[in-house]
Amino acid sequence: MSYFFSAALYAASTEIHQHKAREIDEDIPVPEIALSVFRDSMDGVNIHITVANYILGAPDLAPSASISEDGFLYGHVHVFVNGIKRQRLYGQNVHIPNTWMKTGVNQMAISLNSHQHENWILNQENIVASVFLDLAKETLVLHHFLSQPIENEHTLYWSLLDF
């Protein structure tokens, strides 16, 4: 990994670490994550977030417990652009406008968070996904990182469920 990507990962990691952490119990299925990035025909990019073993949704729709009857964690996503937290996300799709990006390489990162805004962690590591992209390049995504990649897409369990 180049110095640039290392420095950018550090910047995003610093922002993500500003929240309290909550270790995932060993008897809970570990949330897995994947990101797909697409150019938006009008402005910026669209990111599609896929999760497994995680129920992504709004806090007011979730029960007060952090774990579903099926043993999956409830929570939402924090969206970071170039190390700056831009928003919370309760669904699978987010638009990143050009105004949030700079010329050249940009980093989009997401972290999985409890509805108490704690970062979900496993073995002291955040559950995160990150992509580096450059809108000026034909190949949009230059590099990606997934702390817990989705291993079996046939076991996907994500939000937009009725609580």
C-alpha atoms as a PDB file:
ATOM      1  CA  MET A   1       0.000   0.000   0.000  1.00  0.00           C
ATOM      2  CA  SER A   2       1.341   3.404  -0.881  1.00  0.00           C
ATOM      3  CA  TYR A   3       2.103   6.170   1.593  1.00  0.00           C
ATOM      4  CA  PHE A   4      -0.952   8.095   0.365  1.00  0.00           C
ATOM      5  CA  PHE A   5      -3.369   5.264   1.120  1.00  0.00           C
ATOM      6  CA  SER A   6      -1.718   4.667   4.512  1.00  0.00           C
ATOM      7  CA  ALA A   7      -2.054   8.342   5.467  1.00  0.00           C
ATOM      8  CA  ALA A   8      -5.668   8.486   4.285  1.00  0.00           C
ATOM      9  CA  LEU A   9      -6.563   5.311   6.184  1.00  0.00           C
ATOM     10  CA  TYR A  10      -5.044   6.872   9.299  1.00  0.00           C
ATOM     11  CA  ALA A  11      -7.139  10.037   8.848  1.00  0.00           C
ATOM     12  CA  ALA A  12     -10.389   8.080   8.502  1.00  0.00           C
ATOM     13  CA  SER A  13      -9.402   5.753  11.315  1.00  0.00           C
ATOM     14  CA  THR A  14      -8.808   8.715  13.638  1.00  0.00           C
ATOM     15  CA  GLU A  15     -12.302  10.083  12.968  1.00  0.00           C
ATOM     16  CA  ILE A  16     -13.927   6.653  13.361  1.00  0.00           C
ATOM     17  CA  HIS A  17     -12.124   6.087  16.675  1.00  0.00           C
ATOM     18  CA  GLN A  18     -13.645   9.240  18.183  1.00  0.00           C
ATOM     19  CA  HIS A  19     -16.694   7.191  19.164  1.00  0.00           C
ATOM     20  CA  LYS A  20     -16.867   4.731  22.034  1.00  0.00           C
ATOM     21  CA  ALA A  21     -16.263   1.125  21.080  1.00  0.00           C
ATOM     22  CA  ARG A  22     -18.392  -1.908  21.829  1.00  0.00           C
ATOM     23  CA  GLU A  23     -16.827  -5.362  21.483  1.00  0.00           C
ATOM     24  CA  ILE A  24     -18.938  -7.981  19.737  1.00  0.00           C
ATOM     25  CA  ASP A  25     -19.592 -10.953  22.012  1.00  0.00           C
ATOM     26  CA  GLU A  26     -18.009 -14.167  20.795  1.00  0.00           C
ATOM     27  CA  ASP A  27     -21.390 -15.931  20.528  1.00  0.00           C
ATOM     28  CA  ILE A  28     -22.722 -13.275  18.086  1.00  0.00           C
ATOM     29  CA  PRO A  29     -22.265 -13.726  14.311  1.00  0.00           C
ATOM     30  CA  VAL A  30     -19.691 -11.177  13.134  1.00  0.00           C
ATOM     31  CA  PRO A  31     -21.155  -8.511  10.827  1.00  0.00           C
ATOM     32  CA  GLU A  32     -19.686  -8.597   7.326  1.00  0.00           C
ATOM     33  CA  ILE A  33     -19.671  -5.757   4.845  1.00  0.00           C
ATOM     34  CA  ALA A  34     -19.138  -4.900   1.169  1.00  0.00           C
ATOM     35  CA  LEU A  35     -19.273  -1.641  -0.795  1.00  0.00           C
ATOM     36  CA  SER A  36     -20.094  -1.042  -4.455  1.00  0.00           C
ATOM     37  CA  VAL A  37     -19.407   2.396  -5.937  1.00  0.00           C
ATOM     38  CA  PHE A  38     -21.045   3.773  -9.068  1.00  0.00           C
ATOM     39  CA  ARG A  39     -20.701   7.087 -10.869  1.00  0.00           C
ATOM     40  CA  ASP A  40     -23.871   9.128 -10.576  1.00  0.00           C
ATOM     41  CA  SER A  41     -25.078  10.382 -13.951  1.00  0.00           C
ATOM     42  CA  MET A  42     -25.707  13.873 -12.546  1.00  0.00           C
ATOM     43  CA  ASP A  43     -23.245  14.440  -9.695  1.00  0.00           C
ATOM     44  CA  GLY A  44     -20.691  12.523  -7.645  1.00  0.00           C
ATOM     45  CA  VAL A  45     -21.048   8.850  -6.818  1.00  0.00           C
ATOM     46  CA  ASN A  46     -23.539   6.451  -5.322  1.00  0.00           C
ATOM     47  CA  ILE A  47     -22.454   3.822  -2.831  1.00  0.00           C
ATOM     48  CA  HIS A  48     -24.362   0.607  -2.220  1.00  0.00           C
ATOM     49  CA  ILE A  49     -23.656  -1.028   1.139  1.00  0.00           C
ATOM     50  CA  THR A  50     -24.239  -4.732   1.581  1.00  0.00           C
ATOM     51  CA  VAL A  51     -24.104  -6.303   5.026  1.00  0.00           C
ATOM     52  CA  ALA A  52     -24.416  -9.822   6.351  1.00  0.00           C
ATOM     53  CA  ASN A  53     -25.168 -10.781   9.953  1.00  0.00           C
ATOM     54  CA  TYR A  54     -26.332  -7.222  10.656  1.00  0.00           C
ATOM     55  CA  ILE A  55     -29.683  -5.449  10.747  1.00  0.00           C
ATOM     56  CA  LEU A  56     -29.237  -1.971   9.308  1.00  0.00           C
ATOM     57  CA  GLY A  57     -32.007   0.474  10.169  1.00  0.00           C
ATOM     58  CA  ALA A  58     -33.139   3.578  12.017  1.00  0.00           C
ATOM     59  CA  PRO A  59     -32.924   3.585  15.823  1.00  0.00           C
ATOM     60  CA  ASP A  60     -36.559   4.566  16.303  1.00  0.00           C
ATOM     61  CA  LEU A  61     -37.626   1.415  14.407  1.00  0.00           C
ATOM     62  CA  ALA A  62     -35.328  -0.964  16.275  1.00  0.00           C
ATOM     63  CA  PRO A  63     -36.174  -2.596  19.578  1.00  0.00           C
ATOM     64  CA  SER A  64     -34.284  -1.379  22.628  1.00  0.00           C
ATOM     65  CA  ALA A  65     -32.076  -4.496  22.546  1.00  0.00           C
ATOM     66  CA  SER A  66     -28.871  -4.420  20.483  1.00  0.00           C
ATOM     67  CA  ILE A  67     -29.307  -8.019  19.317  1.00  0.00           C
ATOM     68  CA  SER A  68     -32.199  -9.548  17.368  1.00  0.00           C
ATOM     69  CA  GLU A  69     -33.931 -12.789  18.291  1.00  0.00           C
ATOM     70  CA  ASP A  70     -31.893 -14.402  15.505  1.00  0.00           C
ATOM     71  CA  GLY A  71     -28.667 -13.238  17.163  1.00  0.00           C
ATOM     72  CA  PHE A  72     -27.787 -10.440  14.712  1.00  0.00           C
ATOM     73  CA  LEU A  73     -26.663  -6.970  15.788  1.00  0.00           C
ATOM     74  CA  TYR A  74     -28.861  -3.920  15.190  1.00  0.00           C
ATOM     75  CA  GLY A  75     -27.326  -0.636  14.135  1.00  0.00           C
ATOM     76  CA  HIS A  76     -26.616   1.969  11.531  1.00  0.00           C
ATOM     77  CA  VAL A  77     -23.664   3.223   9.483  1.00  0.00           C
ATOM     78  CA  HIS A  78     -21.541   6.345   9.811  1.00  0.00           C
ATOM     79  CA  VAL A  79     -20.385   7.718   6.446  1.00  0.00           C
ATOM     80  CA  PHE A  80     -16.987   9.421   6.145  1.00  0.00           C
ATOM     81  CA  VAL A  81     -15.608  11.306   3.145  1.00  0.00           C
ATOM     82  CA  ASN A  82     -11.881  12.085   3.274  1.00  0.00           C
ATOM     83  CA  GLY A  83     -11.818  11.500   7.020  1.00  0.00           C
ATOM     84  CA  ILE A  84     -14.811  13.754   7.815  1.00  0.00           C
ATOM     85  CA  LYS A  85     -18.008  12.246   9.171  1.00  0.00           C
ATOM     86  CA  ARG A  86     -20.743  13.405   6.815  1.00  0.00           C
ATOM     87  CA  GLN A  87     -23.836  11.551   7.956  1.00  0.00           C
ATOM     88  CA  ARG A  88     -25.557   8.593   9.533  1.00  0.00           C
ATOM     89  CA  LEU A  89     -27.130   6.066   7.219  1.00  0.00           C
ATOM     90  CA  TYR A  90     -30.020   3.731   8.010  1.00  0.00           C
ATOM     91  CA  GLY A  91     -30.307   2.037   4.614  1.00  0.00           C
ATOM     92  CA  GLN A  92     -28.134   0.517   1.952  1.00  0.00           C
ATOM     93  CA  ASN A  93     -27.603   3.407  -0.459  1.00  0.00           C
ATOM     94  CA  VAL A  94     -25.967   6.782  -0.120  1.00  0.00           C
ATOM     95  CA  HIS A  95     -25.194   9.566  -2.600  1.00  0.00           C
ATOM     96  CA  ILE A  96     -21.884  11.388  -2.235  1.00  0.00           C
ATOM     97  CA  PRO A  97     -22.055  14.753  -4.069  1.00  0.00           C
ATOM     98  CA  ASN A  98     -19.082  16.298  -5.849  1.00  0.00           C
ATOM     99  CA  THR A  99     -19.091  19.141  -3.291  1.00  0.00           C
ATOM    100  CA  TRP A 100     -17.965  16.652  -0.608  1.00  0.00           C
ATOM    101  CA  MET A 101     -14.997  15.547  -2.700  1.00  0.00           C
ATOM    102  CA  LYS A 102     -11.780  17.108  -3.887  1.00  0.00           C
ATOM    103  CA  THR A 103      -9.933  16.848  -7.180  1.00  0.00           C
ATOM    104  CA  GLY A 104      -7.935  13.634  -7.374  1.00  0.00           C
ATOM    105  CA  VAL A 105      -8.108  10.708  -4.956  1.00  0.00           C
ATOM    106  CA  ASN A 106     -10.902  10.604  -2.362  1.00  0.00           C
ATOM    107  CA  GLN A 107     -11.639   8.134   0.413  1.00  0.00           C
ATOM    108  CA  MET A 108     -15.143   6.970   1.302  1.00  0.00           C
ATOM    109  CA  ALA A 109     -15.371   4.975   4.532  1.00  0.00           C
ATOM    110  CA  ILE A 110     -18.196   3.527   6.572  1.00  0.00           C
ATOM    111  CA  SER A 111     -18.285   2.119  10.068  1.00  0.00           C
ATOM    112  CA  LEU A 112     -20.927  -0.085  11.639  1.00  0.00           C
ATOM    113  CA  ASN A 113     -22.316   1.478  14.810  1.00  0.00           C
ATOM    114  CA  SER A 114     -24.761   0.555  17.530  1.00  0.00           C
ATOM    115  CA  HIS A 115     -27.785   2.774  18.010  1.00  0.00           C
ATOM    116  CA  GLN A 116     -25.947   4.187  21.032  1.00  0.00           C
ATOM    117  CA  HIS A 117     -23.318   5.384  18.469  1.00  0.00           C
ATOM    118  CA  GLU A 118     -20.673   2.940  19.680  1.00  0.00           C
ATOM    119  CA  ASN A 119     -18.382   1.497  17.024  1.00  0.00           C
ATOM    120  CA  TRP A 120     -18.915  -2.254  16.717  1.00  0.00           C
ATOM    121  CA  ILE A 121     -15.472  -3.834  17.114  1.00  0.00           C
ATOM    122  CA  LEU A 122     -14.017  -7.320  16.942  1.00  0.00           C
ATOM    123  CA  ASN A 123     -10.671  -8.030  18.619  1.00  0.00           C
ATOM    124  CA  GLN A 124     -10.206  -4.276  19.187  1.00  0.00           C
ATOM    125  CA  GLU A 125     -10.694  -3.541  15.442  1.00  0.00           C
ATOM    126  CA  ASN A 126     -13.572  -1.497  14.013  1.00  0.00           C
ATOM    127  CA  ILE A 127     -15.965  -3.092  11.534  1.00  0.00           C
ATOM    128  CA  VAL A 128     -15.303  -0.796   8.573  1.00  0.00           C
ATOM    129  CA  ALA A 129     -15.165  -0.638   4.803  1.00  0.00           C
ATOM    130  CA  SER A 130     -13.305   1.895   2.707  1.00  0.00           C
ATOM    131  CA  VAL A 131     -12.779   2.722  -0.948  1.00  0.00           C
ATOM    132  CA  PHE A 132     -10.377   5.118  -2.628  1.00  0.00           C
ATOM    133  CA  LEU A 133     -11.616   6.579  -5.873  1.00  0.00           C
ATOM    134  CA  ASP A 134     -10.739   9.162  -8.462  1.00  0.00           C
ATOM    135  CA  LEU A 135     -13.555  10.584 -10.592  1.00  0.00           C
ATOM    136  CA  ALA A 136     -11.065  11.552 -13.314  1.00  0.00           C
ATOM    137  CA  LYS A 137      -9.947   7.950 -13.850  1.00  0.00           C
ATOM    138  CA  GLU A 138     -11.681   5.489 -16.151  1.00  0.00           C
ATOM    139  CA  THR A 139     -11.414   2.836 -13.443  1.00  0.00           C
ATOM    140  CA  LEU A 140     -13.226   4.655 -10.639  1.00  0.00           C
ATOM    141  CA  VAL A 141     -12.148   2.576  -7.623  1.00  0.00           C
ATOM    142  CA  LEU A 142      -8.390   2.575  -7.066  1.00  0.00           C
ATOM    143  CA  HIS A 143      -8.283   0.557  -3.832  1.00  0.00           C
ATOM    144  CA  HIS A 144     -10.708  -0.936  -1.319  1.00  0.00           C
ATOM    145  CA  PHE A 145     -10.472  -2.304   2.202  1.00  0.00           C
ATOM    146  CA  LEU A 146     -12.998  -4.436   4.098  1.00  0.00           C
ATOM    147  CA  SER A 147     -12.323  -5.326   7.736  1.00  0.00           C
ATOM    148  CA  GLN A 148     -14.892  -8.152   7.602  1.00  0.00           C
ATOM    149  CA  PRO A 149     -15.630  -8.997   3.946  1.00  0.00           C
ATOM    150  CA  ILE A 150     -18.768 -10.893   3.031  1.00  0.00           C
ATOM    151  CA  GLU A 151     -17.689 -14.479   2.545  1.00  0.00           C
ATOM    152  CA  ASN A 152     -20.909 -16.153   1.481  1.00  0.00           C
ATOM    153  CA  GLU A 153     -23.441 -13.969  -0.307  1.00  0.00           C
ATOM    154  CA  HIS A 154     -26.078 -16.694   0.111  1.00  0.00           C
ATOM    155  CA  THR A 155     -26.217 -15.917   3.857  1.00  0.00           C
ATOM    156  CA  LEU A 156     -26.917 -12.195   3.530  1.00  0.00           C
ATOM    157  CA  TYR A 157     -29.182 -10.717   6.160  1.00  0.00           C
ATOM    158  CA  TRP A 158     -29.562  -6.976   6.077  1.00  0.00           C
ATOM    159  CA  SER A 159     -31.952  -4.201   6.806  1.00  0.00           C
ATOM    160  CA  LEU A 160     -35.105  -2.882   5.463  1.00  0.00           C
ATOM    161  CA  LEU A 161     -36.655  -5.609   7.548  1.00  0.00           C
ATOM    162  CA  ASP A 162     -39.797  -5.012   9.503  1.00  0.00           C
ATOM    163  CA  PHE A 163     -38.782  -4.887  13.168  1.00  0.00           C
END
